[in-house]
C-alpha atoms as a PDB file:
ATOM      1  CA  MET A   1      13.923  -2.515  11.880  1.00  0.00           C
ATOM      2  CA  SER A   2      14.488  -2.250   8.124  1.00  0.00           C
ATOM      3  CA  ALA A   3      11.609  -1.791   5.692  1.00  0.00           C
ATOM      4  CA  ILE A   4      12.116  -5.268   4.229  1.00  0.00           C
ATOM      5  CA  ASP A   5      11.992  -6.819   7.724  1.00  0.00           C
ATOM      6  CA  ALA A   6       8.824  -4.913   8.658  1.00  0.00           C
ATOM      7  CA  LEU A   7       7.079  -5.737   5.382  1.00  0.00           C
ATOM      8  CA  GLY A   8       8.181  -9.358   5.596  1.00  0.00           C
ATOM      9  CA  LYS A   9       6.567  -9.707   9.031  1.00  0.00           C
ATOM     10  CA  ALA A  10       3.338  -7.810   8.177  1.00  0.00           C
ATOM     11  CA  GLN A  11       0.196  -9.950   7.974  1.00  0.00           C
ATOM     12  CA  TYR A  12      -0.996  -7.925   4.944  1.00  0.00           C
ATOM     13  CA  VAL A  13       0.640  -5.394   2.657  1.00  0.00           C
ATOM     14  CA  ASN A  14      -0.973  -2.836   0.408  1.00  0.00           C
ATOM     15  CA  LEU A  15       0.514  -3.172  -3.077  1.00  0.00           C
ATOM     16  CA  GLU A  16       0.104  -0.158  -5.337  1.00  0.00           C
ATOM     17  CA  THR A  17       0.576  -0.610  -9.080  1.00  0.00           C
ATOM     18  CA  PHE A  18       0.064   2.098 -11.670  1.00  0.00           C
ATOM     19  CA  ARG A  19      -2.375   2.523 -14.557  1.00  0.00           C
ATOM     20  CA  LYS A  20      -1.306   3.990 -17.909  1.00  0.00           C
ATOM     21  CA  ASN A  21      -2.536   7.424 -16.766  1.00  0.00           C
ATOM     22  CA  GLY A  22      -0.299   7.256 -13.672  1.00  0.00           C
ATOM     23  CA  ILE A  23      -3.098   6.700 -11.136  1.00  0.00           C
ATOM     24  CA  GLY A  24      -2.168   4.126  -8.496  1.00  0.00           C
ATOM     25  CA  VAL A  25      -4.392   1.158  -7.674  1.00  0.00           C
ATOM     26  CA  ARG A  26      -3.976  -0.311  -4.186  1.00  0.00           C
ATOM     27  CA  THR A  27      -4.635  -3.952  -3.333  1.00  0.00           C
ATOM     28  CA  PRO A  28      -4.186  -5.602   0.091  1.00  0.00           C
ATOM     29  CA  VAL A  29      -2.373  -8.928  -0.345  1.00  0.00           C
ATOM     30  CA  TRP A  30      -0.502 -11.613   1.547  1.00  0.00           C
ATOM     31  CA  SER A  31       3.247 -11.420   1.240  1.00  0.00           C
ATOM     32  CA  ALA A  32       6.388 -13.033   2.589  1.00  0.00           C
ATOM     33  CA  ARG A  33      10.063 -12.267   2.606  1.00  0.00           C
ATOM     34  CA  ASP A  34      12.196 -14.436   0.342  1.00  0.00           C
ATOM     35  CA  GLY A  35      15.816 -13.335   0.584  1.00  0.00           C
ATOM     36  CA  ASP A  36      16.041  -9.635  -0.278  1.00  0.00           C
ATOM     37  CA  ASP A  37      12.594  -9.573  -1.899  1.00  0.00           C
ATOM     38  CA  ILE A  38       8.976  -9.509  -0.851  1.00  0.00           C
ATOM     39  CA  VAL A  39       6.977 -12.174  -2.704  1.00  0.00           C
ATOM     40  CA  ILE A  40       3.271 -12.211  -3.541  1.00  0.00           C
ATOM     41  CA  PHE A  41       1.056 -14.640  -5.423  1.00  0.00           C
ATOM     42  CA  THR A  42      -2.051 -13.724  -7.394  1.00  0.00           C
ATOM     43  CA  GLU A  43      -4.148 -14.801 -10.356  1.00  0.00           C
ATOM     44  CA  GLY A  44      -2.052 -14.524 -13.517  1.00  0.00           C
ATOM     45  CA  ASP A  45      -4.734 -12.582 -15.374  1.00  0.00           C
ATOM     46  CA  SER A  46      -5.358 -10.058 -12.590  1.00  0.00           C
ATOM     47  CA  TYR A  47      -5.134  -6.359 -13.345  1.00  0.00           C
ATOM     48  CA  LYS A  48      -2.204  -5.908 -10.955  1.00  0.00           C
ATOM     49  CA  VAL A  49      -0.214  -8.357 -13.100  1.00  0.00           C
ATOM     50  CA  LYS A  50      -1.213  -6.531 -16.282  1.00  0.00           C
ATOM     51  CA  ARG A  51      -0.235  -3.164 -14.766  1.00  0.00           C
ATOM     52  CA  LEU A  52       3.082  -4.551 -13.483  1.00  0.00           C
ATOM     53  CA  ARG A  53       3.868  -6.032 -16.886  1.00  0.00           C
ATOM     54  CA  ARG A  54       3.585  -2.543 -18.378  1.00  0.00           C
ATOM     55  CA  ASP A  55       5.151  -0.540 -15.536  1.00  0.00           C
ATOM     56  CA  PRO A  56       7.436  -2.143 -12.899  1.00  0.00           C
ATOM     57  CA  ARG A  57       7.099   0.778 -10.427  1.00  0.00           C
ATOM     58  CA  ILE A  58       5.284  -0.121  -7.207  1.00  0.00           C
ATOM     59  CA  ARG A  59       4.632   1.234  -3.750  1.00  0.00           C
ATOM     60  CA  ILE A  60       4.124  -1.070  -0.799  1.00  0.00           C
ATOM     61  CA  ALA A  61       3.057  -0.513   2.823  1.00  0.00           C
ATOM     62  CA  GLU A  62       1.905  -2.577   5.792  1.00  0.00           C
ATOM     63  CA  CYS A  63      -1.889  -2.622   6.062  1.00  0.00           C
ATOM     64  CA  GLY A  64      -4.898  -4.371   7.558  1.00  0.00           C
ATOM     65  CA  VAL A  65      -7.072  -6.929   5.762  1.00  0.00           C
ATOM     66  CA  ARG A  66      -9.139  -4.169   4.116  1.00  0.00           C
ATOM     67  CA  GLY A  67      -6.174  -2.027   3.140  1.00  0.00           C
ATOM     68  CA  ALA A  68      -6.064   0.514   6.001  1.00  0.00           C
ATOM     69  CA  LEU A  69      -2.431   1.608   6.271  1.00  0.00           C
ATOM     70  CA  LYS A  70      -0.410   0.609   9.337  1.00  0.00           C
ATOM     71  CA  GLY A  71       2.961   1.830   8.132  1.00  0.00           C
ATOM     72  CA  PRO A  72       4.731   4.105   5.663  1.00  0.00           C
ATOM     73  CA  TRP A  73       4.828   3.646   1.898  1.00  0.00           C
ATOM     74  CA  HIS A  74       8.014   2.314   0.304  1.00  0.00           C
ATOM     75  CA  ASP A  75       8.870   2.755  -3.371  1.00  0.00           C
ATOM     76  CA  GLY A  76      10.236  -0.158  -5.303  1.00  0.00           C
ATOM     77  CA  THR A  77      10.030  -2.271  -8.412  1.00  0.00           C
ATOM     78  CA  GLY A  78       8.150  -5.445  -9.096  1.00  0.00           C
ATOM     79  CA  ARG A  79       8.488  -8.227 -11.589  1.00  0.00           C
ATOM     80  CA  ILE A  80       6.632 -11.355 -12.605  1.00  0.00           C
ATOM     81  CA  VAL A  81       8.633 -14.493 -11.866  1.00  0.00           C
ATOM     82  CA  ASP A  82       9.148 -16.823 -14.836  1.00  0.00           C
ATOM     83  CA  ASN A  83      11.719 -19.161 -13.306  1.00  0.00           C
ATOM     84  CA  GLU A  84      10.063 -22.268 -11.801  1.00  0.00           C
ATOM     85  CA  ALA A  85      12.665 -22.692  -9.020  1.00  0.00           C
ATOM     86  CA  GLU A  86      12.170 -19.062  -7.981  1.00  0.00           C
ATOM     87  CA  LYS A  87       8.382 -19.546  -7.986  1.00  0.00           C
ATOM     88  CA  GLN A  88       8.701 -22.602  -5.755  1.00  0.00           C
ATOM     89  CA  SER A  89      10.994 -20.733  -3.353  1.00  0.00           C
ATOM     90  CA  ALA A  90       8.443 -17.907  -3.111  1.00  0.00           C
ATOM     91  CA  LEU A  91       5.552 -20.312  -2.510  1.00  0.00           C
ATOM     92  CA  ARG A  92       7.570 -22.080   0.219  1.00  0.00           C
ATOM     93  CA  ALA A  93       8.137 -18.713   1.921  1.00  0.00           C
ATOM     94  CA  LEU A  94       4.392 -17.989   1.767  1.00  0.00           C
ATOM     95  CA  HIS A  95       3.550 -21.475   3.128  1.00  0.00           C
ATOM     96  CA  LYS A  96       6.042 -21.010   5.949  1.00  0.00           C
ATOM     97  CA  LYS A  97       4.535 -17.656   6.928  1.00  0.00           C
ATOM     98  CA  TYR A  98       0.805 -18.402   6.533  1.00  0.00           C
ATOM     99  CA  GLY A  99       0.815 -22.129   7.375  1.00  0.00           C
ATOM    100  CA  TRP A 100      -2.587 -23.804   7.267  1.00  0.00           C
ATOM    101  CA  GLN A 101      -4.202 -20.736   5.655  1.00  0.00           C
ATOM    102  CA  MET A 102      -1.881 -20.914   2.643  1.00  0.00           C
ATOM    103  CA  THR A 103      -2.291 -24.695   2.508  1.00  0.00           C
ATOM    104  CA  LEU A 104      -6.072 -24.241   2.364  1.00  0.00           C
ATOM    105  CA  VAL A 105      -5.807 -21.631  -0.417  1.00  0.00           C
ATOM    106  CA  ASP A 106      -3.388 -23.888  -2.301  1.00  0.00           C
ATOM    107  CA  TRP A 107      -5.680 -26.905  -1.926  1.00  0.00           C
ATOM    108  CA  GLY A 108      -8.736 -24.943  -3.109  1.00  0.00           C
ATOM    109  CA  ALA A 109      -6.857 -23.637  -6.143  1.00  0.00           C
ATOM    110  CA  ARG A 110      -5.762 -27.155  -7.053  1.00  0.00           C
ATOM    111  CA  LEU A 111      -9.349 -28.401  -6.830  1.00  0.00           C
ATOM    112  CA  LYS A 112     -10.610 -25.552  -9.022  1.00  0.00           C
ATOM    113  CA  GLY A 113      -7.712 -25.963 -11.417  1.00  0.00           C
ATOM    114  CA  SER A 114      -6.744 -22.313 -10.983  1.00  0.00           C
ATOM    115  CA  LYS A 115      -3.326 -22.889  -9.413  1.00  0.00           C
ATOM    116  CA  LYS A 116      -1.758 -23.321 -12.857  1.00  0.00           C
ATOM    117  CA  ASN A 117      -2.799 -19.693 -13.532  1.00  0.00           C
ATOM    118  CA  TRP A 118      -1.075 -18.286 -10.422  1.00  0.00           C
ATOM    119  CA  ALA A 119       1.537 -15.608 -10.908  1.00  0.00           C
ATOM    120  CA  VAL A 120       4.310 -14.960  -8.412  1.00  0.00           C
ATOM    121  CA  LEU A 121       5.515 -11.383  -8.071  1.00  0.00           C
ATOM    122  CA  THR A 122       8.755 -10.270  -6.468  1.00  0.00           C
ATOM    123  CA  ILE A 123       9.032  -6.811  -5.010  1.00  0.00           C
ATOM    124  CA  ARG A 124      12.372  -5.096  -4.494  1.00  0.00           C
ATOM    125  CA  ILE A 125      12.302  -2.111  -2.162  1.00  0.00           C
ATOM    126  CA  GLY A 126      14.193   0.796  -3.717  1.00  0.00           C
ATOM    127  CA  ASN A 127      15.647   2.369  -0.592  1.00  0.00           C
ATOM    128  CA  ASP A 128      15.561  -0.164   2.220  1.00  0.00           C
ATOM    129  CA  GLU A 129      16.543   1.755   5.370  1.00  0.00           C
END
C-alpha cells in the first residue's frame, strides 16, 4: 500500500510543522485523501498554520488520538488553500471519511461562528512509495 493510501485511511495523522529554529511541533489531526493530497482543516489562526505559512516543509505519520505513532514518518510539503472550490472539495472528503463526527464539528463551528475562520491545508507527500 502506498504512503498516500495508508495516510488517507488512517483515523488520525500526526502532522509535524517546523518552528523558525528548526524544531518540529507535532499535532494529531483528522485528515482525508483528496486526489493526490492529504487534506486537513484547522483554525486559521492556529500555530500550525502560522508555521506552515513561513515554512512549507512537513512530516506526517499515522498515529492514535493522542499522537502515538502507528506508522513511519513521510516528508512532504504543505500549503494553505485559498481557492474556495478546492476548500469545498477538501471538506467533502473529510465529511465522507468522518461522517456524523465531521457533521457535528461543522455544526458546532457554525453555531459558534468559528467556521469562517477555518483553514484547509493540503499535504503533498514528497516520495510516495
